[in-house]
């Protein structure tokens, strides 16, 4: 399925997520308040392997670009959900794991669609899942292809609470600087509102759960459309990668880069795609392999 108009994508994704969402999407007038036992049963049903595989397939196949439906199906069968990993509107935030073949593999964590209107980021997350199904990677991978499903449905940068998740991470300077930075440097743009409290959003909390659970050695955050590889990490030789230039754009209060690298010494590579997708997935394949070589360096 191909999309040439962002409005068409937004409408299509809304229909897909509406079909597979929790009962909390029903109107207050029509839904009944479940008993605790019933509510627990609803959560178990919504996060059952079959249902998560279905949500994974339906959400990822909506993204533009080339895709292998057979590999995607196999990847989605392995999709999992950490406890309480769901969006503001109750959509499960699933992930995909693939164990590396090295005796001591590095753990690589990939986040895609932190910002819901950066559609092509979902294409990369989907492709990496598909490709991992047919190769034996040296390293251990975890891919969260849609961290902000409500934002994807609404085609907004922020989540359903209108908070920019990449300004909501609980950095040490958040209380002092997050809103000051937003007002001064982002001109109080609603698209970049960091929230009233750090780490307040369920999607942010889900990302933090993955960081704690997976204990990554390296993080990739996939975005659009600044056309750059933005690296928060130690000084290492820039990889030979012609599709995107390698340079640092800086980091911000509440950002993933500041939270993980400058406070926890875990490198973060932000992949800022171009405004349009390449004709094939080969640049994404090359980058996935380059990341495998980058993690060989001493990153601490």
Protein backbone atom coordinates (compact mmCIF):
# COMPACT_ATOMS: atom_id res chain seq x y z
CA UNK A 1 0.00 0.00 0.00
CA UNK A 2 1.47 3.37 -0.93
CA UNK A 3 0.49 6.82 0.28
CA UNK A 4 1.13 10.06 -1.54
CA UNK A 5 -0.73 12.30 0.82
CA UNK A 6 -0.27 12.60 4.58
CA UNK A 7 -4.01 13.07 5.05
CA UNK A 8 -4.69 9.74 3.37
CA UNK A 9 -2.15 8.07 5.66
CA UNK A 10 -3.67 9.69 8.72
CA UNK A 11 -7.16 8.55 7.75
CA UNK A 12 -6.03 4.99 7.00
CA UNK A 13 -4.08 4.60 10.20
CA UNK A 14 -7.01 5.96 12.21
CA UNK A 15 -9.24 3.23 10.79
CA UNK A 16 -6.70 0.52 11.57
CA UNK A 17 -6.08 1.57 15.15
CA UNK A 18 -9.78 2.11 15.75
CA UNK A 19 -10.41 -1.50 14.79
CA UNK A 20 -7.81 -2.85 17.23
CA UNK A 21 -8.01 -0.44 20.17
CA UNK A 22 -9.16 -1.02 23.72
CA UNK A 23 -12.72 -0.51 24.84
CA UNK A 24 -11.59 2.83 26.27
CA UNK A 25 -12.08 4.30 22.80
CA UNK A 26 -15.83 3.93 23.27
CA UNK A 27 -17.78 7.05 24.28
CA UNK A 28 -18.52 7.67 27.91
CA UNK A 29 -22.23 7.41 27.15
CA UNK A 30 -22.08 3.89 25.71
CA UNK A 31 -19.34 2.08 27.60
CA UNK A 32 -19.89 0.36 30.92
CA UNK A 33 -17.45 0.58 33.78
CA UNK A 34 -15.87 -2.88 34.07
CA UNK A 35 -15.37 -4.67 37.34
CA UNK A 36 -11.72 -5.11 38.37
CA UNK A 37 -11.82 -8.74 37.24
CA UNK A 38 -13.39 -7.82 33.93
CA UNK A 39 -10.88 -5.02 33.38
CA UNK A 40 -8.02 -7.42 34.05
CA UNK A 41 -9.50 -9.85 31.57
CA UNK A 42 -9.75 -7.11 28.93
CA UNK A 43 -6.07 -6.23 29.37
CA UNK A 44 -5.02 -9.87 29.12
CA UNK A 45 -7.11 -10.30 25.98
CA UNK A 46 -5.77 -7.13 24.39
CA UNK A 47 -2.16 -8.16 25.06
CA UNK A 48 -2.52 -11.82 24.11
CA UNK A 49 0.10 -12.97 21.57
CA UNK A 50 -2.49 -13.36 18.79
CA UNK A 51 -3.94 -9.91 19.34
CA UNK A 52 -0.55 -8.21 19.59
CA UNK A 53 0.58 -9.94 16.38
CA UNK A 54 -2.56 -8.64 14.70
CA UNK A 55 -2.04 -5.08 15.95
CA UNK A 56 1.60 -5.26 14.83
CA UNK A 57 0.69 -6.42 11.32
CA UNK A 58 -2.14 -3.97 10.79
CA UNK A 59 -0.19 -0.98 12.07
CA UNK A 60 3.10 -1.65 10.30
CA UNK A 61 1.72 -2.62 6.91
CA UNK A 62 0.11 0.83 6.70
CA UNK A 63 3.48 2.57 6.37
CA UNK A 64 4.75 3.49 2.90
CA UNK A 65 7.71 1.90 1.15
CA UNK A 66 8.58 -1.64 0.18
CA UNK A 67 7.76 -4.41 2.63
CA UNK A 68 7.95 -8.20 2.72
CA UNK A 69 4.59 -9.38 4.06
CA UNK A 70 5.88 -12.88 4.85
CA UNK A 71 8.81 -11.62 6.93
CA UNK A 72 6.62 -9.01 8.57
CA UNK A 73 4.14 -11.69 9.61
CA UNK A 74 6.90 -13.80 11.15
CA UNK A 75 8.30 -10.78 12.99
CA UNK A 76 4.89 -9.76 14.30
CA UNK A 77 4.26 -13.26 15.63
CA UNK A 78 7.16 -12.60 17.99
CA UNK A 79 5.93 -9.18 19.10
CA UNK A 80 5.66 -8.67 22.86
CA UNK A 81 4.38 -6.02 25.26
CA UNK A 82 6.01 -5.11 28.58
CA UNK A 83 3.63 -4.74 31.52
CA UNK A 84 1.71 -1.45 31.38
CA UNK A 85 3.34 -0.43 28.10
CA UNK A 86 0.47 1.37 26.43
CA UNK A 87 -0.40 4.81 25.11
CA UNK A 88 -2.59 7.48 26.70
CA UNK A 89 -5.55 6.00 24.81
CA UNK A 90 -4.72 2.45 25.85
CA UNK A 91 -3.09 1.18 22.64
CA UNK A 92 -0.46 -1.52 23.42
CA UNK A 93 3.12 -0.47 22.64
CA UNK A 94 4.70 -3.66 21.32
CA UNK A 95 8.31 -4.54 20.66
CA UNK A 96 10.37 -7.10 18.75
CA UNK A 97 13.45 -8.92 20.09
CA UNK A 98 16.16 -10.79 18.21
CA UNK A 99 19.09 -12.41 20.01
CA UNK A 100 22.58 -11.95 18.60
CA UNK A 101 24.84 -14.86 17.71
CA UNK A 102 28.00 -13.53 19.39
CA UNK A 103 28.86 -15.01 22.77
CA UNK A 104 28.76 -11.53 24.30
CA UNK A 105 26.51 -9.52 21.97
CA UNK A 106 25.97 -5.81 22.37
CA UNK A 107 22.38 -4.82 23.08
CA UNK A 108 20.95 -2.36 20.55
CA UNK A 109 17.64 -0.64 21.27
CA UNK A 110 15.77 1.11 18.43
CA UNK A 111 12.89 3.55 18.99
CA UNK A 112 10.76 4.62 16.04
CA UNK A 113 7.88 7.10 15.87
CA UNK A 114 8.51 8.93 19.11
CA UNK A 115 6.90 11.69 17.05
CA UNK A 116 3.68 10.50 15.45
CA UNK A 117 3.83 12.70 12.34
CA UNK A 118 7.24 11.39 11.22
CA UNK A 119 5.68 8.63 9.15
CA UNK A 120 8.77 7.38 7.34
CA UNK A 121 10.42 6.51 10.66
CA UNK A 122 7.91 3.67 10.90
CA UNK A 123 9.09 2.36 7.54
CA UNK A 124 12.63 1.96 8.91
CA UNK A 125 11.47 0.25 12.11
CA UNK A 126 9.38 -2.18 10.07
CA UNK A 127 12.21 -2.94 7.65
CA UNK A 128 14.70 -3.64 10.43
CA UNK A 129 12.26 -6.10 12.00
CA UNK A 130 11.75 -7.84 8.64
CA UNK A 131 15.47 -8.00 7.93
CA UNK A 132 16.29 -9.41 11.36
CA UNK A 133 13.97 -12.30 10.55
CA UNK A 134 16.23 -13.44 7.70
CA UNK A 135 19.73 -12.74 9.05
CA UNK A 136 21.76 -13.82 12.07
CA UNK A 137 22.88 -10.54 13.61
CA UNK A 138 26.00 -10.41 15.73
CA UNK A 139 24.27 -8.22 18.27
CA UNK A 140 21.05 -8.41 20.22
CA UNK A 141 18.31 -6.13 18.91
CA UNK A 142 15.10 -4.75 20.39
CA UNK A 143 12.89 -2.65 18.08
CA UNK A 144 9.93 -0.56 19.27
CA UNK A 145 8.54 0.49 15.87
CA UNK A 146 5.65 2.65 17.14
CA UNK A 147 6.30 4.32 20.50
CA UNK A 148 3.61 6.97 19.99
CA UNK A 149 0.58 5.19 18.43
CA UNK A 150 -1.88 7.92 19.43
CA UNK A 151 0.29 10.53 17.71
CA UNK A 152 0.45 8.33 14.62
CA UNK A 153 -3.33 8.04 14.56
CA UNK A 154 -3.76 11.79 14.97
CA UNK A 155 -0.77 12.59 12.72
CA UNK A 156 0.75 14.81 15.42
CA UNK A 157 4.27 15.20 16.74
CA UNK A 158 3.01 14.96 20.32
CA UNK A 159 0.97 12.27 22.08
CA UNK A 160 -2.73 12.35 22.98
CA UNK A 161 -1.95 14.64 25.92
CA UNK A 162 -0.25 17.06 23.49
CA UNK A 163 3.19 16.50 25.01
CA UNK A 164 6.40 16.08 23.02
CA UNK A 165 7.75 12.75 24.27
CA UNK A 166 11.31 13.67 23.27
CA UNK A 167 11.21 16.58 25.73
CA UNK A 168 9.59 14.55 28.53
CA UNK A 169 12.46 12.28 29.60
CA UNK A 170 13.39 12.95 33.25
CA UNK A 171 16.79 14.60 32.75
CA UNK A 172 18.42 16.06 35.85
CA UNK A 173 17.88 19.62 34.59
CA UNK A 174 14.25 19.09 33.58
CA UNK A 175 12.59 20.96 36.46
CA UNK A 176 14.90 23.93 36.03
CA UNK A 177 15.24 24.16 32.27
CA UNK A 178 12.64 22.18 30.28
CA UNK A 179 9.92 24.81 30.14
CA UNK A 180 12.39 27.70 30.03
CA UNK A 181 14.06 26.13 27.00
CA UNK A 182 10.67 25.49 25.40
CA UNK A 183 9.62 29.12 25.79
CA UNK A 184 12.94 30.62 24.70
CA UNK A 185 14.16 28.31 21.94
CA UNK A 186 10.91 26.76 20.71
CA UNK A 187 8.89 29.97 21.09
CA UNK A 188 6.37 28.03 23.19
CA UNK A 189 5.44 25.91 20.18
CA UNK A 190 2.58 23.55 21.14
CA UNK A 191 4.29 20.83 19.08
CA UNK A 192 7.27 20.84 21.45
CA UNK A 193 5.60 21.24 24.84
CA UNK A 194 7.62 19.16 27.34
CA UNK A 195 4.75 18.73 29.79
CA UNK A 196 4.22 19.96 33.33
CA UNK A 197 6.22 17.15 34.90
CA UNK A 198 9.12 15.05 33.65
CA UNK A 199 8.44 11.43 32.77
CA UNK A 200 4.72 12.06 33.08
CA UNK A 201 3.55 10.30 29.91
CA UNK A 202 2.74 6.58 29.64
CA UNK A 203 4.75 6.39 26.42
CA UNK A 204 7.78 7.94 28.15
CA UNK A 205 7.34 5.52 31.04
CA UNK A 206 7.19 2.66 28.54
CA UNK A 207 10.46 3.81 26.95
CA UNK A 208 12.05 3.96 30.40
CA UNK A 209 10.79 0.44 31.13
CA UNK A 210 12.52 -0.81 27.99
CA UNK A 211 15.74 0.92 28.97
CA UNK A 212 15.63 -0.68 32.41
CA UNK A 213 14.57 -4.10 31.11
CA UNK A 214 16.84 -4.36 28.07
CA UNK A 215 19.86 -2.45 29.44
CA UNK A 216 21.02 -1.25 26.02
CA UNK A 217 24.63 -0.60 25.07
CA UNK A 218 23.52 1.58 22.17
CA UNK A 219 20.26 3.35 21.24
CA UNK A 220 18.91 4.42 17.85
CA UNK A 221 16.08 6.92 17.65
CA UNK A 222 14.51 7.19 14.19
CA UNK A 223 13.06 10.55 13.09
CA UNK A 224 12.44 12.78 10.05
CA UNK A 225 13.14 15.07 8.17
CA UNK A 226 16.45 16.83 9.05
CA UNK A 227 18.63 14.66 6.76
CA UNK A 228 21.41 13.90 9.24
CA UNK A 229 22.87 11.26 11.56
CA UNK A 230 22.98 13.06 14.91
CA UNK A 231 25.27 11.23 17.34
CA UNK A 232 25.31 11.77 21.09
CA UNK A 233 28.25 9.67 22.18
CA UNK A 234 32.04 9.44 22.44
CA UNK A 235 34.39 10.56 19.72
CA UNK A 236 34.53 7.75 17.17
CA UNK A 237 35.45 7.78 13.48
CA UNK A 238 32.46 8.88 11.41
CA UNK A 239 31.14 5.91 9.44
CA UNK A 240 31.25 6.00 5.65
CA UNK A 241 27.59 6.48 4.90
CA UNK A 242 26.67 8.53 1.88
CA UNK A 243 22.90 8.58 2.41
CA UNK A 244 23.00 10.89 5.46
CA UNK A 245 25.79 13.19 6.74
CA UNK A 246 27.21 12.58 10.23
CA UNK A 247 27.14 15.55 12.60
CA UNK A 248 25.90 16.58 16.03
CA UNK A 249 22.83 18.79 16.41
CA UNK A 250 23.04 19.09 20.18
CA UNK A 251 20.69 17.89 22.88
CA UNK A 252 17.92 19.40 24.97
CA UNK A 253 16.39 19.22 28.45
CA UNK A 254 14.10 16.20 28.49
CA UNK A 255 15.55 14.66 25.33
CA UNK A 256 16.55 11.01 24.97
CA UNK A 257 20.09 12.00 23.96
CA UNK A 258 20.67 14.03 27.10
CA UNK A 259 19.00 11.47 29.36
CA UNK A 260 20.95 8.46 28.04
CA UNK A 261 24.34 9.75 26.88
CA UNK A 262 25.14 12.81 28.95
CA UNK A 263 23.66 11.38 32.13
CA UNK A 264 24.12 7.61 31.68
CA UNK A 265 26.94 7.21 29.12
CA UNK A 266 24.81 5.15 26.71
CA UNK A 267 25.28 6.48 23.15
CA UNK A 268 22.25 7.62 21.17
CA UNK A 269 22.27 7.82 17.37
CA UNK A 270 19.36 9.88 16.08
CA UNK A 271 18.61 8.99 12.48
CA UNK A 272 16.96 12.00 10.86
CA UNK A 273 15.63 10.81 7.51
CA UNK A 274 15.10 12.93 4.43
CA UNK A 275 11.64 14.24 3.62
CA UNK A 276 11.09 11.47 1.06
CA UNK A 277 11.86 7.77 1.20
CA UNK A 278 14.65 6.28 -0.94
CA UNK A 279 13.64 4.08 -3.86
CA UNK A 280 14.75 0.97 -1.95
CA UNK A 281 15.54 -0.04 1.61
CA UNK A 282 19.26 -0.44 0.89
CA UNK A 283 20.29 2.74 2.82
CA UNK A 284 18.50 1.37 5.89
CA UNK A 285 20.18 -2.00 5.45
CA UNK A 286 23.58 -0.33 5.23
CA UNK A 287 22.95 1.73 8.34
CA UNK A 288 21.84 -1.30 10.33
CA UNK A 289 25.12 -2.99 9.47
CA UNK A 290 27.11 0.17 10.26
CA UNK A 291 25.54 0.30 13.70
CA UNK A 292 26.80 -3.23 14.23
CA UNK A 293 30.35 -1.99 13.63
CA UNK A 294 29.94 1.17 15.71
CA UNK A 295 29.10 -0.73 18.88
CA UNK A 296 32.49 -2.45 18.73
CA UNK A 297 34.12 0.75 19.97
CA UNK A 298 34.48 1.44 23.66
CA UNK A 299 31.45 3.67 24.12
CA UNK A 300 31.96 4.56 27.75
